[in-house]
Amino acid sequence: MVSDTDFRVSNIDALEVLDSRGNPTIRVMVTLDGGMTATAEDDWAGFAEQTAKPGKRLQIVGDDIFVTNPAFIERGIRERTANAVLIKLNRIGTVTETVAAIEAARRAG
């Protein structure tokens, strides 16, 4: 079980963007570290639980759990493991596999 106190803020960024009507608005991104077990890259159920709690209000980014692997990303989509993915070219090994990972994520929205 993961509690709110298991997280620590590692970064806060603010970005001015335009909303759908062209008006400037501020988007804040808070990066949290922790909260998952030491074997978080294998904790599919834990990630799914954490993703379900806030719904679409928070972006839960799968990094080590997906490792830019198209098969892992497809599994994450099916199981709703995260609602975002961090793609790193050097994680999977080939450009072809990286492109496949990006395409899998795009298909899921």
N, C-alpha and C. Protein backbone atom coordinates (compact mmCIF):
# COMPACT_ATOMS: atom_id res chain seq x y z
N MET A 1 0.85 -1.18 0.00
CA MET A 1 0.00 0.00 0.00
C MET A 1 0.89 1.24 0.00
N VAL A 2 0.53 2.21 -0.80
CA VAL A 2 1.28 3.45 -0.93
C VAL A 2 0.48 4.56 -0.28
N SER A 3 1.12 5.38 0.53
CA SER A 3 0.44 6.51 1.14
C SER A 3 0.98 7.82 0.57
N ASP A 4 0.25 8.90 0.80
CA ASP A 4 0.67 10.21 0.30
C ASP A 4 2.01 10.63 0.87
N THR A 5 2.36 10.15 2.06
CA THR A 5 3.62 10.55 2.68
C THR A 5 4.82 9.82 2.10
N ASP A 6 4.58 8.86 1.22
CA ASP A 6 5.67 8.12 0.59
C ASP A 6 6.32 8.90 -0.55
N PHE A 7 5.75 10.01 -0.94
CA PHE A 7 6.25 10.79 -2.07
C PHE A 7 7.06 11.98 -1.58
N ARG A 8 8.02 12.42 -2.41
CA ARG A 8 8.71 13.68 -2.15
C ARG A 8 8.76 14.46 -3.45
N VAL A 9 8.62 15.77 -3.35
CA VAL A 9 8.66 16.63 -4.53
C VAL A 9 10.11 16.76 -4.97
N SER A 10 10.36 16.43 -6.23
CA SER A 10 11.73 16.53 -6.73
C SER A 10 11.89 17.69 -7.71
N ASN A 11 10.77 18.21 -8.23
CA ASN A 11 10.89 19.31 -9.19
C ASN A 11 9.53 19.98 -9.36
N ILE A 12 9.53 21.30 -9.54
CA ILE A 12 8.31 22.04 -9.85
C ILE A 12 8.63 22.96 -11.02
N ASP A 13 7.85 22.87 -12.07
CA ASP A 13 8.02 23.73 -13.25
C ASP A 13 6.70 24.42 -13.55
N ALA A 14 6.77 25.64 -14.04
CA ALA A 14 5.59 26.36 -14.50
C ALA A 14 5.82 26.75 -15.95
N LEU A 15 4.78 26.63 -16.75
CA LEU A 15 4.87 26.91 -18.17
C LEU A 15 3.65 27.69 -18.60
N GLU A 16 3.85 28.79 -19.29
CA GLU A 16 2.73 29.55 -19.80
C GLU A 16 2.35 29.00 -21.17
N VAL A 17 1.10 28.59 -21.32
CA VAL A 17 0.60 28.04 -22.57
C VAL A 17 -0.70 28.73 -22.93
N LEU A 18 -1.16 28.51 -24.15
CA LEU A 18 -2.44 29.06 -24.58
C LEU A 18 -3.53 28.02 -24.42
N ASP A 19 -4.69 28.45 -23.89
CA ASP A 19 -5.80 27.51 -23.76
C ASP A 19 -6.51 27.38 -25.11
N SER A 20 -7.62 26.66 -25.14
CA SER A 20 -8.32 26.39 -26.40
C SER A 20 -8.86 27.65 -27.06
N ARG A 21 -9.00 28.74 -26.32
CA ARG A 21 -9.47 30.02 -26.89
C ARG A 21 -8.34 30.99 -27.18
N GLY A 22 -7.10 30.53 -26.98
CA GLY A 22 -5.95 31.38 -27.27
C GLY A 22 -5.54 32.27 -26.11
N ASN A 23 -6.14 32.09 -24.95
CA ASN A 23 -5.79 32.89 -23.78
C ASN A 23 -4.61 32.27 -23.04
N PRO A 24 -3.67 33.10 -22.59
CA PRO A 24 -2.54 32.54 -21.85
C PRO A 24 -2.99 31.97 -20.50
N THR A 25 -2.43 30.86 -20.14
CA THR A 25 -2.71 30.22 -18.86
C THR A 25 -1.44 29.56 -18.36
N ILE A 26 -1.34 29.38 -17.08
CA ILE A 26 -0.16 28.78 -16.48
C ILE A 26 -0.44 27.31 -16.17
N ARG A 27 0.43 26.44 -16.61
CA ARG A 27 0.37 25.01 -16.28
C ARG A 27 1.52 24.72 -15.34
N VAL A 28 1.23 24.04 -14.27
CA VAL A 28 2.26 23.70 -13.30
C VAL A 28 2.48 22.19 -13.33
N MET A 29 3.73 21.79 -13.39
CA MET A 29 4.08 20.37 -13.36
C MET A 29 4.92 20.11 -12.12
N VAL A 30 4.43 19.23 -11.27
CA VAL A 30 5.14 18.84 -10.07
C VAL A 30 5.61 17.41 -10.27
N THR A 31 6.90 17.18 -10.11
CA THR A 31 7.45 15.84 -10.25
C THR A 31 7.65 15.26 -8.86
N LEU A 32 7.05 14.09 -8.65
CA LEU A 32 7.16 13.39 -7.38
C LEU A 32 8.03 12.16 -7.55
N ASP A 33 8.85 11.90 -6.59
CA ASP A 33 9.64 10.68 -6.58
C ASP A 33 9.19 9.84 -5.39
N GLY A 34 9.38 8.55 -5.52
CA GLY A 34 9.02 7.66 -4.43
C GLY A 34 7.59 7.20 -4.55
N GLY A 35 7.07 6.70 -3.47
CA GLY A 35 5.68 6.27 -3.45
C GLY A 35 5.46 4.84 -3.86
N MET A 36 6.40 4.26 -4.56
CA MET A 36 6.27 2.88 -5.00
C MET A 36 7.32 2.05 -4.28
N THR A 37 7.20 0.77 -4.38
CA THR A 37 8.14 -0.12 -3.72
C THR A 37 9.50 -0.06 -4.40
N ALA A 38 10.49 -0.66 -3.78
CA ALA A 38 11.83 -0.67 -4.36
C ALA A 38 11.85 -1.40 -5.70
N THR A 39 10.89 -2.28 -5.93
CA THR A 39 10.81 -3.00 -7.20
C THR A 39 9.70 -2.42 -8.07
N ALA A 40 9.56 -1.10 -8.05
CA ALA A 40 8.45 -0.44 -8.75
C ALA A 40 8.40 -0.77 -10.23
N GLU A 41 9.56 -1.03 -10.85
CA GLU A 41 9.53 -1.32 -12.28
C GLU A 41 8.80 -2.62 -12.58
N ASP A 42 8.52 -3.43 -11.56
CA ASP A 42 7.76 -4.67 -11.73
C ASP A 42 6.39 -4.61 -11.07
N ASP A 43 6.04 -3.49 -10.48
CA ASP A 43 4.80 -3.37 -9.71
C ASP A 43 3.66 -2.85 -10.58
N TRP A 44 3.21 -3.68 -11.50
CA TRP A 44 2.16 -3.28 -12.43
C TRP A 44 0.87 -2.93 -11.69
N ALA A 45 0.50 -3.72 -10.72
CA ALA A 45 -0.73 -3.47 -9.96
C ALA A 45 -0.63 -2.18 -9.15
N GLY A 46 0.53 -1.93 -8.57
CA GLY A 46 0.73 -0.70 -7.80
C GLY A 46 0.62 0.54 -8.67
N PHE A 47 1.21 0.48 -9.85
CA PHE A 47 1.09 1.60 -10.79
C PHE A 47 -0.36 1.81 -11.19
N ALA A 48 -1.07 0.74 -11.50
CA ALA A 48 -2.48 0.86 -11.91
C ALA A 48 -3.31 1.47 -10.79
N GLU A 49 -3.04 1.06 -9.56
CA GLU A 49 -3.76 1.62 -8.40
C GLU A 49 -3.51 3.11 -8.27
N GLN A 50 -2.25 3.52 -8.39
CA GLN A 50 -1.91 4.93 -8.27
C GLN A 50 -2.46 5.76 -9.44
N THR A 51 -2.56 5.15 -10.61
CA THR A 51 -3.09 5.86 -11.78
C THR A 51 -4.60 6.04 -11.65
N ALA A 52 -5.29 5.06 -11.09
CA ALA A 52 -6.75 5.11 -10.98
C ALA A 52 -7.21 6.15 -9.96
N LYS A 53 -6.46 6.36 -8.90
CA LYS A 53 -6.89 7.26 -7.82
C LYS A 53 -7.21 8.68 -8.29
N PRO A 54 -6.28 9.36 -8.95
CA PRO A 54 -6.57 10.74 -9.34
C PRO A 54 -7.28 10.86 -10.69
N GLY A 55 -7.45 9.76 -11.39
CA GLY A 55 -8.07 9.83 -12.71
C GLY A 55 -7.22 10.63 -13.66
N LYS A 56 -7.84 11.55 -14.39
CA LYS A 56 -7.11 12.35 -15.37
C LYS A 56 -6.55 13.64 -14.78
N ARG A 57 -6.73 13.85 -13.47
CA ARG A 57 -6.24 15.08 -12.84
C ARG A 57 -4.72 15.11 -12.75
N LEU A 58 -4.09 13.94 -12.69
CA LEU A 58 -2.64 13.86 -12.61
C LEU A 58 -2.10 13.00 -13.73
N GLN A 59 -0.92 13.32 -14.16
CA GLN A 59 -0.24 12.52 -15.18
C GLN A 59 0.73 11.58 -14.47
N ILE A 60 0.45 10.28 -14.57
CA ILE A 60 1.32 9.26 -13.99
C ILE A 60 2.18 8.73 -15.13
N VAL A 61 3.48 9.01 -15.07
CA VAL A 61 4.38 8.69 -16.16
C VAL A 61 5.09 7.36 -15.89
N GLY A 62 4.93 6.44 -16.82
CA GLY A 62 5.65 5.17 -16.74
C GLY A 62 7.02 5.32 -17.37
N ASP A 63 8.05 5.11 -16.59
CA ASP A 63 9.42 5.20 -17.09
C ASP A 63 10.08 3.83 -16.96
N ASP A 64 10.55 3.50 -15.78
CA ASP A 64 11.24 2.22 -15.59
C ASP A 64 10.32 1.02 -15.79
N ILE A 65 9.03 1.20 -15.59
CA ILE A 65 8.10 0.07 -15.77
C ILE A 65 7.93 -0.27 -17.26
N PHE A 66 8.07 0.71 -18.14
CA PHE A 66 7.89 0.48 -19.58
C PHE A 66 9.21 0.33 -20.32
N VAL A 67 10.27 0.96 -19.85
CA VAL A 67 11.60 0.96 -20.46
C VAL A 67 11.57 1.07 -21.99
N THR A 68 10.67 1.90 -22.50
CA THR A 68 10.54 2.15 -23.94
C THR A 68 10.33 0.85 -24.73
N ASN A 69 9.75 -0.14 -24.11
CA ASN A 69 9.50 -1.43 -24.75
C ASN A 69 8.06 -1.46 -25.25
N PRO A 70 7.85 -1.59 -26.58
CA PRO A 70 6.48 -1.57 -27.12
C PRO A 70 5.56 -2.61 -26.47
N ALA A 71 6.06 -3.79 -26.17
CA ALA A 71 5.23 -4.82 -25.54
C ALA A 71 4.81 -4.40 -24.14
N PHE A 72 5.73 -3.79 -23.38
CA PHE A 72 5.40 -3.31 -22.04
C PHE A 72 4.40 -2.16 -22.10
N ILE A 73 4.57 -1.28 -23.08
CA ILE A 73 3.64 -0.15 -23.24
C ILE A 73 2.25 -0.67 -23.59
N GLU A 74 2.17 -1.64 -24.49
CA GLU A 74 0.87 -2.24 -24.84
C GLU A 74 0.21 -2.86 -23.60
N ARG A 75 1.00 -3.56 -22.79
CA ARG A 75 0.46 -4.13 -21.55
C ARG A 75 -0.04 -3.01 -20.63
N GLY A 76 0.75 -1.97 -20.50
CA GLY A 76 0.36 -0.84 -19.66
C GLY A 76 -0.93 -0.18 -20.12
N ILE A 77 -1.13 -0.12 -21.42
CA ILE A 77 -2.37 0.44 -21.97
C ILE A 77 -3.54 -0.46 -21.58
N ARG A 78 -3.39 -1.76 -21.78
CA ARG A 78 -4.46 -2.71 -21.43
C ARG A 78 -4.81 -2.66 -19.94
N GLU A 79 -3.78 -2.59 -19.11
CA GLU A 79 -3.98 -2.66 -17.66
C GLU A 79 -4.12 -1.28 -17.01
N ARG A 80 -4.06 -0.23 -17.82
CA ARG A 80 -4.15 1.15 -17.31
C ARG A 80 -3.11 1.41 -16.22
N THR A 81 -1.89 1.01 -16.52
CA THR A 81 -0.79 1.09 -15.58
C THR A 81 -0.34 2.53 -15.33
N ALA A 82 -0.37 3.34 -16.35
CA ALA A 82 0.01 4.76 -16.27
C ALA A 82 -0.79 5.48 -17.34
N ASN A 83 -0.82 6.81 -17.27
CA ASN A 83 -1.52 7.55 -18.31
C ASN A 83 -0.57 8.40 -19.15
N ALA A 84 0.72 8.12 -19.02
CA ALA A 84 1.75 8.77 -19.83
C ALA A 84 2.97 7.86 -19.83
N VAL A 85 3.84 8.07 -20.81
CA VAL A 85 5.05 7.25 -20.89
C VAL A 85 6.23 8.15 -21.24
N LEU A 86 7.38 7.83 -20.66
CA LEU A 86 8.61 8.53 -20.98
C LEU A 86 9.38 7.66 -21.97
N ILE A 87 9.60 8.16 -23.16
CA ILE A 87 10.30 7.42 -24.21
C ILE A 87 11.76 7.87 -24.24
N LYS A 88 12.66 6.90 -24.16
CA LYS A 88 14.10 7.18 -24.22
C LYS A 88 14.72 6.28 -25.28
N LEU A 89 15.33 6.88 -26.27
CA LEU A 89 15.92 6.12 -27.38
C LEU A 89 16.93 5.08 -26.90
N ASN A 90 17.70 5.40 -25.89
CA ASN A 90 18.76 4.48 -25.45
C ASN A 90 18.24 3.37 -24.52
N ARG A 91 16.95 3.30 -24.25
CA ARG A 91 16.43 2.29 -23.32
C ARG A 91 16.16 0.95 -23.98
N ILE A 92 15.66 0.94 -25.21
CA ILE A 92 15.22 -0.30 -25.83
C ILE A 92 16.27 -0.91 -26.73
N GLY A 93 17.09 -0.11 -27.35
CA GLY A 93 18.18 -0.69 -28.13
C GLY A 93 18.20 -0.31 -29.59
N THR A 94 17.03 -0.20 -30.23
CA THR A 94 17.03 0.17 -31.65
C THR A 94 16.07 1.32 -31.91
N VAL A 95 16.34 2.05 -32.98
CA VAL A 95 15.45 3.13 -33.38
C VAL A 95 14.09 2.56 -33.79
N THR A 96 14.10 1.42 -34.46
CA THR A 96 12.84 0.78 -34.89
C THR A 96 11.96 0.47 -33.69
N GLU A 97 12.54 -0.08 -32.63
CA GLU A 97 11.76 -0.38 -31.43
C GLU A 97 11.28 0.89 -30.74
N THR A 98 12.10 1.93 -30.76
CA THR A 98 11.69 3.21 -30.18
C THR A 98 10.50 3.78 -30.93
N VAL A 99 10.54 3.74 -32.25
CA VAL A 99 9.43 4.23 -33.08
C VAL A 99 8.17 3.41 -32.79
N ALA A 100 8.31 2.10 -32.66
CA ALA A 100 7.16 1.24 -32.34
C ALA A 100 6.57 1.62 -30.97
N ALA A 101 7.43 1.95 -30.01
CA ALA A 101 6.96 2.38 -28.69
C ALA A 101 6.18 3.68 -28.78
N ILE A 102 6.70 4.62 -29.56
CA ILE A 102 6.01 5.91 -29.75
C ILE A 102 4.66 5.69 -30.42
N GLU A 103 4.63 4.84 -31.44
CA GLU A 103 3.36 4.57 -32.14
C GLU A 103 2.34 3.92 -31.22
N ALA A 104 2.77 3.00 -30.36
CA ALA A 104 1.86 2.35 -29.41
C ALA A 104 1.26 3.39 -28.47
N ALA A 105 2.10 4.30 -27.97
CA ALA A 105 1.61 5.34 -27.07
C ALA A 105 0.66 6.29 -27.79
N ARG A 106 0.97 6.66 -29.01
CA ARG A 106 0.09 7.56 -29.79
C ARG A 106 -1.27 6.93 -30.05
N ARG A 107 -1.28 5.65 -30.39
CA ARG A 107 -2.56 4.97 -30.63
C ARG A 107 -3.46 5.00 -29.40
N ALA A 108 -2.86 4.97 -28.23
CA ALA A 108 -3.62 4.96 -26.99
C ALA A 108 -4.08 6.37 -26.59
N GLY A 109 -3.51 7.37 -27.25
CA GLY A 109 -3.91 8.74 -26.95
C GLY A 109 -3.04 9.35 -25.92
